[in-house]
Amino acid sequence: MPPTRRRAEPDTDAYRTLGKALRELREQAGLTQEALAARVDIGATYVSQVENGHRGIRWHTLLAFLRALDVDLRQLGEAVDKQEHHST
């Protein structure tokens, strides 16, 4: 019988850091959570949960966020780096 694969525990610190970075990018774009949600075709509650680090985000959804915010991965990386240095 193959061993059962355990699901990794979510890294809540990473969720919070990514969420804060996405919030920063959204605010720089001058968008509300509702406006971003409409652009990505998701609920505003989901945007709030991601930004507050209460929920992870799948790769394809992250890419949709970046397209809606008109930013690239480099800019996201810079925002994440800023948040990591800000929280220490």
N, C-alpha and C. Protein backbone atom coordinates (compact mmCIF):
# COMPACT_ATOMS: atom_id res chain seq x y z
N MET A 1 0.84 -1.17 0.00
CA MET A 1 0.00 0.00 0.00
C MET A 1 0.89 1.24 0.00
N PRO A 2 0.67 2.17 -0.94
CA PRO A 2 1.53 3.36 -1.00
C PRO A 2 1.29 4.25 0.22
N PRO A 3 2.35 4.94 0.63
CA PRO A 3 2.18 5.84 1.79
C PRO A 3 1.23 6.97 1.44
N THR A 4 0.48 7.39 2.43
CA THR A 4 -0.43 8.51 2.20
C THR A 4 0.38 9.79 2.16
N ARG A 5 -0.02 10.63 1.28
CA ARG A 5 0.69 11.90 1.11
C ARG A 5 0.05 12.94 2.00
N ARG A 6 0.83 13.51 2.88
CA ARG A 6 0.32 14.54 3.78
C ARG A 6 0.36 15.88 3.09
N ARG A 7 -0.66 16.61 3.29
CA ARG A 7 -0.73 17.95 2.73
C ARG A 7 0.10 18.88 3.62
N ALA A 8 0.92 19.69 2.98
CA ALA A 8 1.76 20.62 3.74
C ALA A 8 0.89 21.65 4.45
N GLU A 9 1.29 22.01 5.62
CA GLU A 9 0.59 23.05 6.37
C GLU A 9 0.82 24.39 5.67
N PRO A 10 -0.20 25.23 5.63
CA PRO A 10 -0.01 26.53 4.98
C PRO A 10 0.98 27.39 5.76
N ASP A 11 1.77 28.13 5.05
CA ASP A 11 2.73 29.05 5.65
C ASP A 11 2.03 30.40 5.81
N THR A 12 1.44 30.60 6.98
CA THR A 12 0.63 31.79 7.18
C THR A 12 1.45 33.07 7.10
N ASP A 13 2.72 33.03 7.48
CA ASP A 13 3.57 34.22 7.33
C ASP A 13 3.73 34.58 5.86
N ALA A 14 3.91 33.57 5.03
CA ALA A 14 4.05 33.81 3.59
C ALA A 14 2.75 34.34 3.01
N TYR A 15 1.61 33.80 3.47
CA TYR A 15 0.31 34.30 3.01
C TYR A 15 0.15 35.77 3.36
N ARG A 16 0.52 36.13 4.59
CA ARG A 16 0.39 37.54 5.02
C ARG A 16 1.30 38.45 4.21
N THR A 17 2.53 38.02 3.99
CA THR A 17 3.48 38.83 3.23
C THR A 17 2.99 39.04 1.80
N LEU A 18 2.56 37.97 1.16
CA LEU A 18 2.04 38.08 -0.20
C LEU A 18 0.80 38.96 -0.22
N GLY A 19 -0.08 38.78 0.73
CA GLY A 19 -1.30 39.58 0.78
C GLY A 19 -1.03 41.06 0.94
N LYS A 20 -0.08 41.39 1.81
CA LYS A 20 0.27 42.80 2.00
C LYS A 20 0.89 43.38 0.73
N ALA A 21 1.69 42.58 0.05
CA ALA A 21 2.30 43.04 -1.21
C ALA A 21 1.23 43.29 -2.26
N LEU A 22 0.26 42.37 -2.35
CA LEU A 22 -0.82 42.56 -3.32
C LEU A 22 -1.67 43.77 -2.97
N ARG A 23 -1.91 44.00 -1.68
CA ARG A 23 -2.67 45.18 -1.26
C ARG A 23 -1.93 46.44 -1.68
N GLU A 24 -0.62 46.46 -1.45
CA GLU A 24 0.19 47.63 -1.82
C GLU A 24 0.07 47.90 -3.33
N LEU A 25 0.18 46.85 -4.13
CA LEU A 25 0.09 47.02 -5.58
C LEU A 25 -1.31 47.47 -5.99
N ARG A 26 -2.33 46.94 -5.32
CA ARG A 26 -3.71 47.36 -5.63
C ARG A 26 -3.91 48.83 -5.31
N GLU A 27 -3.40 49.25 -4.15
CA GLU A 27 -3.55 50.66 -3.76
C GLU A 27 -2.77 51.57 -4.71
N GLN A 28 -1.58 51.14 -5.13
CA GLN A 28 -0.81 51.93 -6.09
C GLN A 28 -1.56 52.08 -7.42
N ALA A 29 -2.33 51.05 -7.75
CA ALA A 29 -3.12 51.09 -8.99
C ALA A 29 -4.39 51.93 -8.83
N GLY A 30 -4.67 52.34 -7.60
CA GLY A 30 -5.84 53.17 -7.35
C GLY A 30 -7.15 52.40 -7.40
N LEU A 31 -7.09 51.10 -7.09
CA LEU A 31 -8.28 50.26 -7.15
C LEU A 31 -8.77 49.90 -5.76
N THR A 32 -10.07 49.75 -5.63
CA THR A 32 -10.65 49.19 -4.42
C THR A 32 -10.62 47.67 -4.55
N GLN A 33 -10.87 46.99 -3.43
CA GLN A 33 -10.97 45.53 -3.49
C GLN A 33 -12.09 45.12 -4.43
N GLU A 34 -13.18 45.86 -4.41
CA GLU A 34 -14.32 45.54 -5.27
C GLU A 34 -13.96 45.70 -6.75
N ALA A 35 -13.24 46.76 -7.07
CA ALA A 35 -12.85 46.99 -8.47
C ALA A 35 -11.89 45.91 -8.95
N LEU A 36 -10.93 45.52 -8.10
CA LEU A 36 -10.01 44.44 -8.47
C LEU A 36 -10.78 43.14 -8.65
N ALA A 37 -11.68 42.86 -7.72
CA ALA A 37 -12.48 41.64 -7.81
C ALA A 37 -13.25 41.58 -9.12
N ALA A 38 -13.83 42.71 -9.52
CA ALA A 38 -14.58 42.76 -10.77
C ALA A 38 -13.67 42.49 -11.97
N ARG A 39 -12.48 43.03 -11.94
CA ARG A 39 -11.54 42.83 -13.05
C ARG A 39 -11.10 41.37 -13.16
N VAL A 40 -10.99 40.69 -12.00
CA VAL A 40 -10.52 39.31 -11.98
C VAL A 40 -11.71 38.34 -12.07
N ASP A 41 -12.91 38.85 -11.90
CA ASP A 41 -14.14 38.05 -11.91
C ASP A 41 -14.17 37.08 -10.73
N ILE A 42 -13.91 37.64 -9.55
CA ILE A 42 -13.98 36.88 -8.30
C ILE A 42 -14.72 37.76 -7.28
N GLY A 43 -14.95 37.23 -6.11
CA GLY A 43 -15.62 37.99 -5.07
C GLY A 43 -14.67 38.91 -4.32
N ALA A 44 -15.19 40.04 -3.88
CA ALA A 44 -14.39 40.99 -3.10
C ALA A 44 -13.96 40.36 -1.77
N THR A 45 -14.77 39.45 -1.23
CA THR A 45 -14.41 38.77 0.01
C THR A 45 -13.14 37.96 -0.18
N TYR A 46 -13.00 37.31 -1.34
CA TYR A 46 -11.79 36.55 -1.64
C TYR A 46 -10.57 37.47 -1.68
N VAL A 47 -10.70 38.61 -2.33
CA VAL A 47 -9.60 39.58 -2.39
C VAL A 47 -9.21 39.97 -0.97
N SER A 48 -10.17 40.26 -0.13
CA SER A 48 -9.91 40.64 1.26
C SER A 48 -9.19 39.53 2.01
N GLN A 49 -9.65 38.30 1.83
CA GLN A 49 -9.03 37.17 2.53
C GLN A 49 -7.58 36.98 2.09
N VAL A 50 -7.31 37.13 0.80
CA VAL A 50 -5.94 37.00 0.30
C VAL A 50 -5.08 38.14 0.87
N GLU A 51 -5.57 39.37 0.78
CA GLU A 51 -4.80 40.51 1.25
C GLU A 51 -4.52 40.45 2.75
N ASN A 52 -5.41 39.85 3.51
CA ASN A 52 -5.22 39.74 4.95
C ASN A 52 -4.47 38.49 5.37
N GLY A 53 -4.04 37.68 4.40
CA GLY A 53 -3.25 36.49 4.70
C GLY A 53 -4.06 35.34 5.25
N HIS A 54 -5.38 35.39 5.10
CA HIS A 54 -6.24 34.33 5.61
C HIS A 54 -6.46 33.23 4.60
N ARG A 55 -5.97 33.45 3.39
CA ARG A 55 -6.21 32.49 2.32
C ARG A 55 -5.05 32.52 1.34
N GLY A 56 -4.69 31.35 0.84
CA GLY A 56 -3.67 31.27 -0.19
C GLY A 56 -4.27 31.61 -1.54
N ILE A 57 -3.43 31.60 -2.55
CA ILE A 57 -3.89 31.95 -3.89
C ILE A 57 -3.21 31.03 -4.89
N ARG A 58 -3.98 30.51 -5.81
CA ARG A 58 -3.43 29.63 -6.85
C ARG A 58 -2.69 30.45 -7.90
N TRP A 59 -1.77 29.78 -8.57
CA TRP A 59 -0.91 30.43 -9.55
C TRP A 59 -1.73 31.17 -10.62
N HIS A 60 -2.73 30.51 -11.21
CA HIS A 60 -3.49 31.15 -12.29
C HIS A 60 -4.27 32.36 -11.76
N THR A 61 -4.70 32.31 -10.51
CA THR A 61 -5.41 33.45 -9.94
C THR A 61 -4.44 34.59 -9.65
N LEU A 62 -3.26 34.25 -9.18
CA LEU A 62 -2.23 35.27 -8.95
C LEU A 62 -1.90 35.98 -10.26
N LEU A 63 -1.75 35.23 -11.33
CA LEU A 63 -1.47 35.85 -12.62
C LEU A 63 -2.61 36.75 -13.06
N ALA A 64 -3.85 36.35 -12.78
CA ALA A 64 -5.00 37.20 -13.11
C ALA A 64 -4.96 38.49 -12.29
N PHE A 65 -4.58 38.40 -11.02
CA PHE A 65 -4.42 39.60 -10.18
C PHE A 65 -3.39 40.53 -10.82
N LEU A 66 -2.24 39.97 -11.20
CA LEU A 66 -1.17 40.80 -11.75
C LEU A 66 -1.60 41.47 -13.05
N ARG A 67 -2.31 40.73 -13.91
CA ARG A 67 -2.80 41.33 -15.16
C ARG A 67 -3.79 42.46 -14.85
N ALA A 68 -4.67 42.22 -13.89
CA ALA A 68 -5.68 43.23 -13.54
C ALA A 68 -5.02 44.47 -12.94
N LEU A 69 -3.90 44.28 -12.26
CA LEU A 69 -3.19 45.40 -11.65
C LEU A 69 -2.17 46.03 -12.60
N ASP A 70 -1.99 45.42 -13.77
CA ASP A 70 -1.01 45.86 -14.76
C ASP A 70 0.40 45.92 -14.18
N VAL A 71 0.76 44.83 -13.47
CA VAL A 71 2.11 44.70 -12.92
C VAL A 71 2.66 43.34 -13.34
N ASP A 72 3.97 43.19 -13.22
CA ASP A 72 4.60 41.92 -13.58
C ASP A 72 5.18 41.24 -12.34
N LEU A 73 5.75 40.08 -12.55
CA LEU A 73 6.31 39.31 -11.43
C LEU A 73 7.46 40.04 -10.73
N ARG A 74 8.23 40.79 -11.50
CA ARG A 74 9.33 41.55 -10.89
C ARG A 74 8.78 42.55 -9.90
N GLN A 75 7.72 43.26 -10.29
CA GLN A 75 7.13 44.25 -9.39
C GLN A 75 6.51 43.58 -8.17
N LEU A 76 5.90 42.41 -8.37
CA LEU A 76 5.38 41.67 -7.22
C LEU A 76 6.52 41.26 -6.30
N GLY A 77 7.61 40.77 -6.89
CA GLY A 77 8.77 40.37 -6.09
C GLY A 77 9.32 41.54 -5.28
N GLU A 78 9.38 42.70 -5.88
CA GLU A 78 9.86 43.89 -5.16
C GLU A 78 8.91 44.24 -4.02
N ALA A 79 7.61 44.13 -4.25
CA ALA A 79 6.63 44.44 -3.20
C ALA A 79 6.72 43.42 -2.06
N VAL A 80 6.93 42.14 -2.40
CA VAL A 80 7.09 41.10 -1.38
C VAL A 80 8.36 41.38 -0.57
N ASP A 81 9.45 41.68 -1.28
CA ASP A 81 10.71 41.97 -0.60
C ASP A 81 10.55 43.15 0.36
N LYS A 82 9.86 44.17 -0.07
CA LYS A 82 9.61 45.34 0.77
C LYS A 82 8.84 44.94 2.02
N GLN A 83 7.82 44.11 1.86
CA GLN A 83 7.03 43.66 3.01
C GLN A 83 7.86 42.80 3.96
N GLU A 84 8.72 41.95 3.41
CA GLU A 84 9.57 41.10 4.26
C GLU A 84 10.52 41.94 5.08
N HIS A 85 11.08 42.99 4.48
CA HIS A 85 12.00 43.85 5.20
C HIS A 85 11.27 44.78 6.16
N HIS A 86 10.04 45.12 5.83
CA HIS A 86 9.23 46.00 6.68
C HIS A 86 8.80 45.29 7.95
N SER A 87 8.57 43.97 7.86
CA SER A 87 8.07 43.22 9.00
C SER A 87 9.16 42.76 9.95
N THR A 88 10.42 42.94 9.58
CA THR A 88 11.50 42.51 10.47
C THR A 88 12.00 43.63 11.35
